[in-house]
Amino acid sequence: MAKRIKKLEKGKESLKKEIEEHFLKVEKDIQESKIERGRYHIKEIDKSLLKALEIKLEILGIKDDSVSLYRERLDKLRKKLEDD
């Protein structure tokens, strides 16, 4: 069981890193006015990465507010993208 927990912990950190990378891509797409590409990255974050992170945190039983912080940040970027 300890190996499984370690693997989930590593997976959680890996997901957070991947989410941050996608956020950087969205910000870059906004700067470059690449609306469709930005929407793709937003969808990727929202539909798969955040959901996977929620599931891992739930399995681990960790009270982590990172998912809600990422959602807030995602909403701000989504509004920026719509305004451009």
PDB file of N, CA and C in Angstrom:
ATOM      1  N   MET A   1       0.821  -1.190   0.000  1.00  0.00           N
ATOM      2  CA  MET A   1       0.000   0.000   0.000  1.00  0.00           C
ATOM      3  C   MET A   1       0.869   1.260   0.000  1.00  0.00           C
ATOM      4  N   ALA A   2       2.025   1.208   0.648  1.00  0.00           N
ATOM      5  CA  ALA A   2       2.902   2.373   0.728  1.00  0.00           C
ATOM      6  C   ALA A   2       3.410   2.771  -0.660  1.00  0.00           C
ATOM      7  N   LYS A   3       3.684   1.762  -1.500  1.00  0.00           N
ATOM      8  CA  LYS A   3       4.146   2.048  -2.857  1.00  0.00           C
ATOM      9  C   LYS A   3       3.060   2.778  -3.641  1.00  0.00           C
ATOM     10  N   ARG A   4       1.843   2.353  -3.455  1.00  0.00           N
ATOM     11  CA  ARG A   4       0.711   2.965  -4.154  1.00  0.00           C
ATOM     12  C   ARG A   4       0.559   4.429  -3.754  1.00  0.00           C
ATOM     13  N   ILE A   5       0.709   4.708  -2.484  1.00  0.00           N
ATOM     14  CA  ILE A   5       0.591   6.081  -1.998  1.00  0.00           C
ATOM     15  C   ILE A   5       1.715   6.940  -2.561  1.00  0.00           C
ATOM     16  N   LYS A   6       2.934   6.399  -2.568  1.00  0.00           N
ATOM     17  CA  LYS A   6       4.061   7.141  -3.136  1.00  0.00           C
ATOM     18  C   LYS A   6       3.826   7.441  -4.609  1.00  0.00           C
ATOM     19  N   LYS A   7       3.302   6.465  -5.316  1.00  0.00           N
ATOM     20  CA  LYS A   7       3.024   6.634  -6.739  1.00  0.00           C
ATOM     21  C   LYS A   7       1.957   7.710  -6.956  1.00  0.00           C
ATOM     22  N   LEU A   8       0.923   7.706  -6.124  1.00  0.00           N
ATOM     23  CA  LEU A   8      -0.128   8.721  -6.224  1.00  0.00           C
ATOM     24  C   LEU A   8       0.413  10.111  -5.894  1.00  0.00           C
ATOM     25  N   GLU A   9       1.294  10.183  -4.901  1.00  0.00           N
ATOM     26  CA  GLU A   9       1.908  11.465  -4.533  1.00  0.00           C
ATOM     27  C   GLU A   9       2.727  12.018  -5.701  1.00  0.00           C
ATOM     28  N   LYS A  10       3.528  11.149  -6.313  1.00  0.00           N
ATOM     29  CA  LYS A  10       4.321  11.572  -7.469  1.00  0.00           C
ATOM     30  C   LYS A  10       3.412  11.995  -8.615  1.00  0.00           C
ATOM     31  N   GLY A  11       2.333  11.252  -8.814  1.00  0.00           N
ATOM     32  CA  GLY A  11       1.372  11.575  -9.863  1.00  0.00           C
ATOM     33  C   GLY A  11       0.712  12.916  -9.625  1.00  0.00           C
ATOM     34  N   LYS A  12       0.433  13.204  -8.364  1.00  0.00           N
ATOM     35  CA  LYS A  12      -0.179  14.490  -8.003  1.00  0.00           C
ATOM     36  C   LYS A  12       0.760  15.637  -8.346  1.00  0.00           C
ATOM     37  N   GLU A  13       2.003  15.498  -7.992  1.00  0.00           N
ATOM     38  CA  GLU A  13       2.989  16.544  -8.289  1.00  0.00           C
ATOM     39  C   GLU A  13       3.210  16.685  -9.790  1.00  0.00           C
ATOM     40  N   SER A  14       3.210  15.576 -10.484  1.00  0.00           N
ATOM     41  CA  SER A  14       3.370  15.590 -11.934  1.00  0.00           C
ATOM     42  C   SER A  14       2.204  16.315 -12.604  1.00  0.00           C
ATOM     43  N   LEU A  15       0.994  16.067 -12.124  1.00  0.00           N
ATOM     44  CA  LEU A  15      -0.183  16.742 -12.660  1.00  0.00           C
ATOM     45  C   LEU A  15      -0.121  18.250 -12.419  1.00  0.00           C
ATOM     46  N   LYS A  16       0.314  18.634 -11.231  1.00  0.00           N
ATOM     47  CA  LYS A  16       0.429  20.060 -10.936  1.00  0.00           C
ATOM     48  C   LYS A  16       1.433  20.731 -11.870  1.00  0.00           C
ATOM     49  N   LYS A  17       2.517  20.048 -12.140  1.00  0.00           N
ATOM     50  CA  LYS A  17       3.531  20.581 -13.049  1.00  0.00           C
ATOM     51  C   LYS A  17       2.956  20.717 -14.466  1.00  0.00           C
ATOM     52  N   GLU A  18       2.241  19.705 -14.901  1.00  0.00           N
ATOM     53  CA  GLU A  18       1.641  19.730 -16.238  1.00  0.00           C
ATOM     54  C   GLU A  18       0.582  20.827 -16.356  1.00  0.00           C
ATOM     55  N   ILE A  19      -0.194  21.034 -15.306  1.00  0.00           N
ATOM     56  CA  ILE A  19      -1.194  22.105 -15.287  1.00  0.00           C
ATOM     57  C   ILE A  19      -0.509  23.458 -15.427  1.00  0.00           C
ATOM     58  N   GLU A  20       0.573  23.652 -14.685  1.00  0.00           N
ATOM     59  CA  GLU A  20       1.319  24.911 -14.769  1.00  0.00           C
ATOM     60  C   GLU A  20       1.854  25.137 -16.183  1.00  0.00           C
ATOM     61  N   GLU A  21       2.338  24.074 -16.819  1.00  0.00           N
ATOM     62  CA  GLU A  21       2.845  24.191 -18.191  1.00  0.00           C
ATOM     63  C   GLU A  21       1.736  24.616 -19.146  1.00  0.00           C
ATOM     64  N   HIS A  22       0.551  24.043 -18.972  1.00  0.00           N
ATOM     65  CA  HIS A  22      -0.578  24.422 -19.821  1.00  0.00           C
ATOM     66  C   HIS A  22      -1.016  25.860 -19.551  1.00  0.00           C
ATOM     67  N   PHE A  23      -0.954  26.295 -18.310  1.00  0.00           N
ATOM     68  CA  PHE A  23      -1.282  27.688 -18.003  1.00  0.00           C
ATOM     69  C   PHE A  23      -0.325  28.629 -18.736  1.00  0.00           C
ATOM     70  N   LEU A  24       0.945  28.292 -18.757  1.00  0.00           N
ATOM     71  CA  LEU A  24       1.925  29.103 -19.480  1.00  0.00           C
ATOM     72  C   LEU A  24       1.597  29.149 -20.970  1.00  0.00           C
ATOM     73  N   LYS A  25       1.177  28.021 -21.515  1.00  0.00           N
ATOM     74  CA  LYS A  25       0.812  27.968 -22.928  1.00  0.00           C
ATOM     75  C   LYS A  25      -0.404  28.840 -23.210  1.00  0.00           C
ATOM     76  N   VAL A  26      -1.386  28.817 -22.319  1.00  0.00           N
ATOM     77  CA  VAL A  26      -2.583  29.649 -22.504  1.00  0.00           C
ATOM     78  C   VAL A  26      -2.194  31.122 -22.472  1.00  0.00           C
ATOM     79  N   GLU A  27      -1.367  31.498 -21.507  1.00  0.00           N
ATOM     80  CA  GLU A  27      -0.934  32.892 -21.399  1.00  0.00           C
ATOM     81  C   GLU A  27      -0.178  33.323 -22.657  1.00  0.00           C
ATOM     82  N   LYS A  28       0.646  32.443 -23.173  1.00  0.00           N
ATOM     83  CA  LYS A  28       1.383  32.742 -24.395  1.00  0.00           C
ATOM     84  C   LYS A  28       0.418  32.874 -25.576  1.00  0.00           C
ATOM     85  N   ASP A  29      -0.559  31.986 -25.655  1.00  0.00           N
ATOM     86  CA  ASP A  29      -1.548  32.048 -26.730  1.00  0.00           C
ATOM     87  C   ASP A  29      -2.349  33.347 -26.672  1.00  0.00           C
ATOM     88  N   ILE A  30      -2.664  33.805 -25.481  1.00  0.00           N
ATOM     89  CA  ILE A  30      -3.396  35.069 -25.327  1.00  0.00           C
ATOM     90  C   ILE A  30      -2.541  36.224 -25.833  1.00  0.00           C
ATOM     91  N   GLN A  31      -1.278  36.229 -25.456  1.00  0.00           N
ATOM     92  CA  GLN A  31      -0.371  37.295 -25.907  1.00  0.00           C
ATOM     93  C   GLN A  31      -0.231  37.302 -27.424  1.00  0.00           C
ATOM     94  N   GLU A  32      -0.223  36.115 -28.024  1.00  0.00           N
ATOM     95  CA  GLU A  32      -0.037  35.994 -29.466  1.00  0.00           C
ATOM     96  C   GLU A  32      -1.364  36.000 -30.229  1.00  0.00           C
ATOM     97  N   SER A  33      -2.473  36.225 -29.526  1.00  0.00           N
ATOM     98  CA  SER A  33      -3.830  36.249 -30.111  1.00  0.00           C
ATOM     99  C   SER A  33      -4.180  34.950 -30.836  1.00  0.00           C
ATOM    100  N   LYS A  34      -3.747  33.849 -30.299  1.00  0.00           N
ATOM    101  CA  LYS A  34      -4.089  32.532 -30.851  1.00  0.00           C
ATOM    102  C   LYS A  34      -5.257  31.971 -30.035  1.00  0.00           C
ATOM    103  N   ILE A  35      -6.436  32.475 -30.356  1.00  0.00           N
ATOM    104  CA  ILE A  35      -7.636  32.194 -29.573  1.00  0.00           C
ATOM    105  C   ILE A  35      -7.982  30.699 -29.549  1.00  0.00           C
ATOM    106  N   GLU A  36      -8.018  30.078 -30.710  1.00  0.00           N
ATOM    107  CA  GLU A  36      -8.403  28.658 -30.776  1.00  0.00           C
ATOM    108  C   GLU A  36      -7.436  27.764 -30.011  1.00  0.00           C
ATOM    109  N   ARG A  37      -6.167  28.051 -30.142  1.00  0.00           N
ATOM    110  CA  ARG A  37      -5.163  27.256 -29.431  1.00  0.00           C
ATOM    111  C   ARG A  37      -5.292  27.457 -27.927  1.00  0.00           C
ATOM    112  N   GLY A  38      -5.560  28.682 -27.512  1.00  0.00           N
ATOM    113  CA  GLY A  38      -5.764  28.972 -26.098  1.00  0.00           C
ATOM    114  C   GLY A  38      -6.961  28.227 -25.540  1.00  0.00           C
ATOM    115  N   ARG A  39      -8.038  28.189 -26.331  1.00  0.00           N
ATOM    116  CA  ARG A  39      -9.238  27.448 -25.903  1.00  0.00           C
ATOM    117  C   ARG A  39      -8.936  25.961 -25.733  1.00  0.00           C
ATOM    118  N   TYR A  40      -8.108  25.436 -26.642  1.00  0.00           N
ATOM    119  CA  TYR A  40      -7.730  24.027 -26.536  1.00  0.00           C
ATOM    120  C   TYR A  40      -7.028  23.764 -25.202  1.00  0.00           C
ATOM    121  N   HIS A  41      -6.066  24.604 -24.855  1.00  0.00           N
ATOM    122  CA  HIS A  41      -5.315  24.395 -23.616  1.00  0.00           C
ATOM    123  C   HIS A  41      -6.220  24.565 -22.392  1.00  0.00           C
ATOM    124  N   ILE A  42      -7.147  25.501 -22.459  1.00  0.00           N
ATOM    125  CA  ILE A  42      -8.091  25.682 -21.355  1.00  0.00           C
ATOM    126  C   ILE A  42      -8.939  24.437 -21.189  1.00  0.00           C
ATOM    127  N   LYS A  43      -9.418  23.907 -22.296  1.00  0.00           N
ATOM    128  CA  LYS A  43     -10.240  22.701 -22.242  1.00  0.00           C
ATOM    129  C   LYS A  43      -9.440  21.523 -21.687  1.00  0.00           C
ATOM    130  N   GLU A  44      -8.191  21.415 -22.097  1.00  0.00           N
ATOM    131  CA  GLU A  44      -7.309  20.342 -21.623  1.00  0.00           C
ATOM    132  C   GLU A  44      -7.129  20.425 -20.101  1.00  0.00           C
ATOM    133  N   ILE A  45      -6.912  21.631 -19.615  1.00  0.00           N
ATOM    134  CA  ILE A  45      -6.748  21.821 -18.173  1.00  0.00           C
ATOM    135  C   ILE A  45      -8.032  21.453 -17.449  1.00  0.00           C
ATOM    136  N   ASP A  46      -9.132  21.999 -17.935  1.00  0.00           N
ATOM    137  CA  ASP A  46     -10.417  21.861 -17.251  1.00  0.00           C
ATOM    138  C   ASP A  46     -10.953  20.438 -17.286  1.00  0.00           C
ATOM    139  N   LYS A  47     -10.952  19.838 -18.447  1.00  0.00           N
ATOM    140  CA  LYS A  47     -11.616  18.538 -18.607  1.00  0.00           C
ATOM    141  C   LYS A  47     -10.797  17.339 -18.149  1.00  0.00           C
ATOM    142  N   SER A  48      -9.489  17.404 -18.315  1.00  0.00           N
ATOM    143  CA  SER A  48      -8.733  16.195 -17.971  1.00  0.00           C
ATOM    144  C   SER A  48      -7.786  16.387 -16.792  1.00  0.00           C
ATOM    145  N   LEU A  49      -6.992  17.433 -16.820  1.00  0.00           N
ATOM    146  CA  LEU A  49      -5.951  17.566 -15.793  1.00  0.00           C
ATOM    147  C   LEU A  49      -6.527  17.874 -14.407  1.00  0.00           C
ATOM    148  N   LEU A  50      -7.444  18.823 -14.329  1.00  0.00           N
ATOM    149  CA  LEU A  50      -8.017  19.152 -13.018  1.00  0.00           C
ATOM    150  C   LEU A  50      -8.856  17.998 -12.474  1.00  0.00           C
ATOM    151  N   LYS A  51      -9.562  17.318 -13.357  1.00  0.00           N
ATOM    152  CA  LYS A  51     -10.367  16.177 -12.918  1.00  0.00           C
ATOM    153  C   LYS A  51      -9.471  15.067 -12.366  1.00  0.00           C
ATOM    154  N   ALA A  52      -8.366  14.812 -13.066  1.00  0.00           N
ATOM    155  CA  ALA A  52      -7.426  13.783 -12.604  1.00  0.00           C
ATOM    156  C   ALA A  52      -6.817  14.171 -11.254  1.00  0.00           C
ATOM    157  N   LEU A  53      -6.490  15.451 -11.096  1.00  0.00           N
ATOM    158  CA  LEU A  53      -5.931  15.923  -9.829  1.00  0.00           C
ATOM    159  C   LEU A  53      -6.944  15.779  -8.699  1.00  0.00           C
ATOM    160  N   GLU A  54      -8.196  16.119  -8.968  1.00  0.00           N
ATOM    161  CA  GLU A  54      -9.257  15.957  -7.959  1.00  0.00           C
ATOM    162  C   GLU A  54      -9.364  14.503  -7.507  1.00  0.00           C
ATOM    163  N   ILE A  55      -9.327  13.600  -8.449  1.00  0.00           N
ATOM    164  CA  ILE A  55      -9.455  12.173  -8.136  1.00  0.00           C
ATOM    165  C   ILE A  55      -8.278  11.703  -7.283  1.00  0.00           C
ATOM    166  N   LYS A  56      -7.066  12.106  -7.657  1.00  0.00           N
ATOM    167  CA  LYS A  56      -5.881  11.697  -6.885  1.00  0.00           C
ATOM    168  C   LYS A  56      -5.940  12.244  -5.460  1.00  0.00           C
ATOM    169  N   LEU A  57      -6.331  13.503  -5.321  1.00  0.00           N
ATOM    170  CA  LEU A  57      -6.427  14.096  -3.990  1.00  0.00           C
ATOM    171  C   LEU A  57      -7.489  13.399  -3.151  1.00  0.00           C
ATOM    172  N   GLU A  58      -8.591  13.038  -3.789  1.00  0.00           N
ATOM    173  CA  GLU A  58      -9.663  12.338  -3.085  1.00  0.00           C
ATOM    174  C   GLU A  58      -9.197  10.965  -2.606  1.00  0.00           C
ATOM    175  N   ILE A  59      -8.492  10.256  -3.461  1.00  0.00           N
ATOM    176  CA  ILE A  59      -7.979   8.924  -3.100  1.00  0.00           C
ATOM    177  C   ILE A  59      -6.991   9.034  -1.938  1.00  0.00           C
ATOM    178  N   LEU A  60      -6.122  10.049  -2.011  1.00  0.00           N
ATOM    179  CA  LEU A  60      -5.127  10.237  -0.959  1.00  0.00           C
ATOM    180  C   LEU A  60      -5.737  10.800   0.328  1.00  0.00           C
ATOM    181  N   GLY A  61      -6.942  11.360   0.219  1.00  0.00           N
ATOM    182  CA  GLY A  61      -7.587  11.956   1.387  1.00  0.00           C
ATOM    183  C   GLY A  61      -6.934  13.252   1.820  1.00  0.00           C
ATOM    184  N   ILE A  62      -6.357  13.961   0.861  1.00  0.00           N
ATOM    185  CA  ILE A  62      -5.659  15.208   1.159  1.00  0.00           C
ATOM    186  C   ILE A  62      -6.593  16.385   0.964  1.00  0.00           C
ATOM    187  N   LYS A  63      -6.593  17.279   1.927  1.00  0.00           N
ATOM    188  CA  LYS A  63      -7.356  18.525   1.810  1.00  0.00           C
ATOM    189  C   LYS A  63      -6.423  19.559   1.192  1.00  0.00           C
ATOM    190  N   ASP A  64      -6.540  19.711  -0.120  1.00  0.00           N
ATOM    191  CA  ASP A  64      -5.664  20.590  -0.880  1.00  0.00           C
ATOM    192  C   ASP A  64      -6.537  21.557  -1.662  1.00  0.00           C
ATOM    193  N   ASP A  65      -6.319  22.850  -1.494  1.00  0.00           N
ATOM    194  CA  ASP A  65      -7.146  23.833  -2.185  1.00  0.00           C
ATOM    195  C   ASP A  65      -6.602  24.198  -3.557  1.00  0.00           C
ATOM    196  N   SER A  66      -5.613  23.458  -4.036  1.00  0.00           N
ATOM    197  CA  SER A  66      -4.991  23.780  -5.322  1.00  0.00           C
ATOM    198  C   SER A  66      -5.987  23.680  -6.478  1.00  0.00           C
ATOM    199  N   VAL A  67      -6.913  22.732  -6.430  1.00  0.00           N
ATOM    200  CA  VAL A  67      -7.880  22.580  -7.519  1.00  0.00           C
ATOM    201  C   VAL A  67      -8.755  23.831  -7.622  1.00  0.00           C
ATOM    202  N   SER A  68      -9.232  24.332  -6.497  1.00  0.00           N
ATOM    203  CA  SER A  68     -10.069  25.539  -6.545  1.00  0.00           C
ATOM    204  C   SER A  68      -9.251  26.755  -6.985  1.00  0.00           C
ATOM    205  N   LEU A  69      -7.996  26.822  -6.573  1.00  0.00           N
ATOM    206  CA  LEU A  69      -7.135  27.927  -7.014  1.00  0.00           C
ATOM    207  C   LEU A  69      -6.873  27.846  -8.519  1.00  0.00           C
ATOM    208  N   TYR A  70      -6.652  26.641  -9.020  1.00  0.00           N
ATOM    209  CA  TYR A  70      -6.451  26.467 -10.450  1.00  0.00           C
ATOM    210  C   TYR A  70      -7.720  26.835 -11.223  1.00  0.00           C
ATOM    211  N   ARG A  71      -8.882  26.469 -10.681  1.00  0.00           N
ATOM    212  CA  ARG A  71     -10.153  26.808 -11.353  1.00  0.00           C
ATOM    213  C   ARG A  71     -10.358  28.329 -11.418  1.00  0.00           C
ATOM    214  N   GLU A  72     -10.040  29.020 -10.337  1.00  0.00           N
ATOM    215  CA  GLU A  72     -10.150  30.480 -10.330  1.00  0.00           C
ATOM    216  C   GLU A  72      -9.224  31.084 -11.380  1.00  0.00           C
ATOM    217  N   ARG A  73      -8.002  30.607 -11.399  1.00  0.00           N
ATOM    218  CA  ARG A  73      -7.016  31.096 -12.368  1.00  0.00           C
ATOM    219  C   ARG A  73      -7.470  30.797 -13.801  1.00  0.00           C
ATOM    220  N   LEU A  74      -8.045  29.624 -13.994  1.00  0.00           N
ATOM    221  CA  LEU A  74      -8.547  29.226 -15.299  1.00  0.00           C
ATOM    222  C   LEU A  74      -9.698  30.133 -15.745  1.00  0.00           C
ATOM    223  N   ASP A  75     -10.586  30.461 -14.820  1.00  0.00           N
ATOM    224  CA  ASP A  75     -11.699  31.364 -15.137  1.00  0.00           C
ATOM    225  C   ASP A  75     -11.207  32.739 -15.555  1.00  0.00           C
ATOM    226  N   LYS A  76     -10.184  33.239 -14.870  1.00  0.00           N
ATOM    227  CA  LYS A  76      -9.615  34.544 -15.229  1.00  0.00           C
ATOM    228  C   LYS A  76      -9.027  34.512 -16.637  1.00  0.00           C
ATOM    229  N   LEU A  77      -8.295  33.443 -16.937  1.00  0.00           N
ATOM    230  CA  LEU A  77      -7.705  33.319 -18.274  1.00  0.00           C
ATOM    231  C   LEU A  77      -8.782  33.149 -19.338  1.00  0.00           C
ATOM    232  N   ARG A  78      -9.839  32.420 -18.999  1.00  0.00           N
ATOM    233  CA  ARG A  78     -10.952  32.226 -19.945  1.00  0.00           C
ATOM    234  C   ARG A  78     -11.595  33.577 -20.271  1.00  0.00           C
ATOM    235  N   LYS A  79     -11.785  34.414 -19.253  1.00  0.00           N
ATOM    236  CA  LYS A  79     -12.362  35.748 -19.479  1.00  0.00           C
ATOM    237  C   LYS A  79     -11.435  36.606 -20.334  1.00  0.00           C
ATOM    238  N   LYS A  80     -10.128  36.537 -20.073  1.00  0.00           N
ATOM    239  CA  LYS A  80      -9.152  37.274 -20.879  1.00  0.00           C
ATOM    240  C   LYS A  80      -9.227  36.837 -22.332  1.00  0.00           C
ATOM    241  N   LEU A  81      -9.336  35.553 -22.537  1.00  0.00           N
ATOM    242  CA  LEU A  81      -9.369  34.997 -23.873  1.00  0.00           C
ATOM    243  C   LEU A  81     -10.629  35.461 -24.613  1.00  0.00           C
ATOM    244  N   GLU A  82     -11.748  35.518 -23.910  1.00  0.00           N
ATOM    245  CA  GLU A  82     -13.001  35.965 -24.518  1.00  0.00           C
ATOM    246  C   GLU A  82     -12.973  37.466 -24.818  1.00  0.00           C
ATOM    247  N   ASP A  83     -12.278  38.238 -23.998  1.00  0.00           N
ATOM    248  CA  ASP A  83     -12.200  39.677 -24.209  1.00  0.00           C
ATOM    249  C   ASP A  83     -11.352  40.047 -25.412  1.00  0.00           C
ATOM    250  N   ASP A  84     -10.355  39.200 -25.714  1.00  0.00           N
ATOM    251  CA  ASP A  84      -9.453  39.506 -26.847  1.00  0.00           C
ATOM    252  C   ASP A  84     -10.070  39.216 -28.162  1.00  0.00           C
TER     253      ASP A  84
END
